[in-house]
Protein backbone atom coordinates (compact mmCIF):
# COMPACT_ATOMS: atom_id res chain seq x y z
CA MET A 1 136.38 97.43 96.36
CA ARG A 2 139.79 99.76 96.02
CA LYS A 3 141.92 101.17 98.46
CA ASN A 4 141.97 104.94 97.48
CA TYR A 5 139.34 107.07 95.58
CA ASP A 6 140.78 109.68 92.93
CA PHE A 7 137.88 112.51 93.65
CA GLY A 8 140.25 115.24 92.12
CA LYS A 9 137.34 115.47 88.60
CA GLY A 10 134.58 115.58 91.33
CA LYS A 11 131.94 118.42 90.53
CA CYS A 12 130.07 120.00 94.00
CA GLY A 13 126.56 120.55 93.68
CA ARG A 14 123.84 119.13 93.14
CA LEU A 15 123.59 114.62 92.15
CA VAL A 16 122.52 113.65 89.03
CA SER A 17 120.13 110.34 90.41
CA GLN A 18 120.44 107.63 88.12
CA VAL A 19 117.49 106.02 90.03
CA GLU A 20 114.96 108.60 89.65
CA PRO A 21 112.69 109.28 86.99
CA ARG A 22 113.80 112.02 84.63
CA GLY A 23 111.65 115.34 85.08
CA LYS A 24 111.60 114.79 88.69
CA THR A 25 113.25 116.45 91.44
CA ARG A 26 113.62 115.26 95.58
CA ILE A 27 113.23 117.82 97.68
CA THR A 28 112.22 118.20 101.51
CA ILE A 29 108.84 119.78 102.00
CA ARG A 30 107.26 119.93 104.90
CA LEU A 31 103.45 119.79 105.07
CA ASP A 32 100.11 119.86 107.47
CA GLU A 33 99.73 116.34 109.12
CA GLY A 34 96.13 116.20 108.09
CA LEU A 35 96.80 116.95 104.39
CA VAL A 36 99.17 113.89 104.63
CA ASP A 37 97.04 111.66 106.08
CA HIS A 38 94.19 113.03 103.57
CA PHE A 39 96.48 111.63 100.40
CA LEU A 40 97.74 108.49 102.04
CA ARG A 41 93.70 107.44 102.78
CA GLN A 42 93.89 108.32 98.80
CA ALA A 43 96.44 106.15 98.08
CA ASP A 44 95.14 103.09 100.77
CA ALA A 45 91.41 103.58 99.02
CA SER A 46 93.13 102.95 95.54
CA GLY A 47 93.90 99.82 96.28
CA GLY A 48 97.44 100.51 95.83
CA ALA A 49 97.11 101.64 92.28
CA ALA A 50 98.60 105.01 92.86
CA GLY A 51 101.33 106.37 95.88
CA TYR A 52 100.18 109.18 97.80
CA GLN A 53 103.49 111.54 96.08
CA THR A 54 101.45 111.05 92.50
CA LEU A 55 98.39 112.13 94.22
CA ILE A 56 99.73 115.02 96.12
CA ASN A 57 101.73 115.84 92.71
CA GLU A 58 98.84 115.41 90.53
CA ALA A 59 96.52 117.83 92.49
CA LEU A 60 99.33 120.27 92.52
CA ARG A 61 100.03 119.90 88.65
CA GLN A 62 96.20 120.49 88.41
CA HIS A 63 96.00 123.64 90.57
CA VAL A 64 99.24 125.46 88.57
CA GLU A 65 97.17 124.45 85.52
CA GLY A 66 94.04 126.07 86.36
CA LYS A 67 92.41 122.59 86.06
CA ALA A 68 91.62 122.49 89.76
CA PRO A 69 87.82 122.46 90.88
CA LYS A 70 87.57 126.18 92.14
CA PHE A 71 86.18 127.05 95.47
CA GLU A 72 83.10 128.57 94.85
CA ALA A 73 82.28 126.03 92.17
CA THR A 74 82.62 122.94 95.16
CA LEU A 75 80.68 125.31 97.61
CA ARG A 76 78.05 125.51 95.02
CA ARG A 77 77.75 122.17 94.33
CA ILE A 78 77.89 121.10 98.15
CA VAL A 79 74.83 123.75 99.11
CA GLN A 80 72.64 122.62 96.45
CA GLU A 81 72.97 118.75 96.98
CA LYS A 82 72.30 120.12 100.91
CA VAL A 83 69.20 121.62 99.71
CA ARG A 84 68.31 118.81 97.70
CA ARG A 85 68.34 116.58 100.29
CA ALA A 86 66.58 118.75 102.43
CA GLY A 87 63.86 119.62 100.18
């Protein structure tokens, strides 16, 4: 290590991480505890195949791209399953 470092050419602002994959941005976000718990359980169930942050990212991407199941479709499916079981 040097005794002194010259930061005269340094730049203020966002740091470029060499460890982070390209196309990813490190942010701080506050999520409901129950939501994080849900994705942690899914990550555990995957046996380590996917981390909880990856699962959250995929869910958000599906929603943004319009590929996520619509609420009405999900509700309809649940009601139909209940009716089938009851009948």
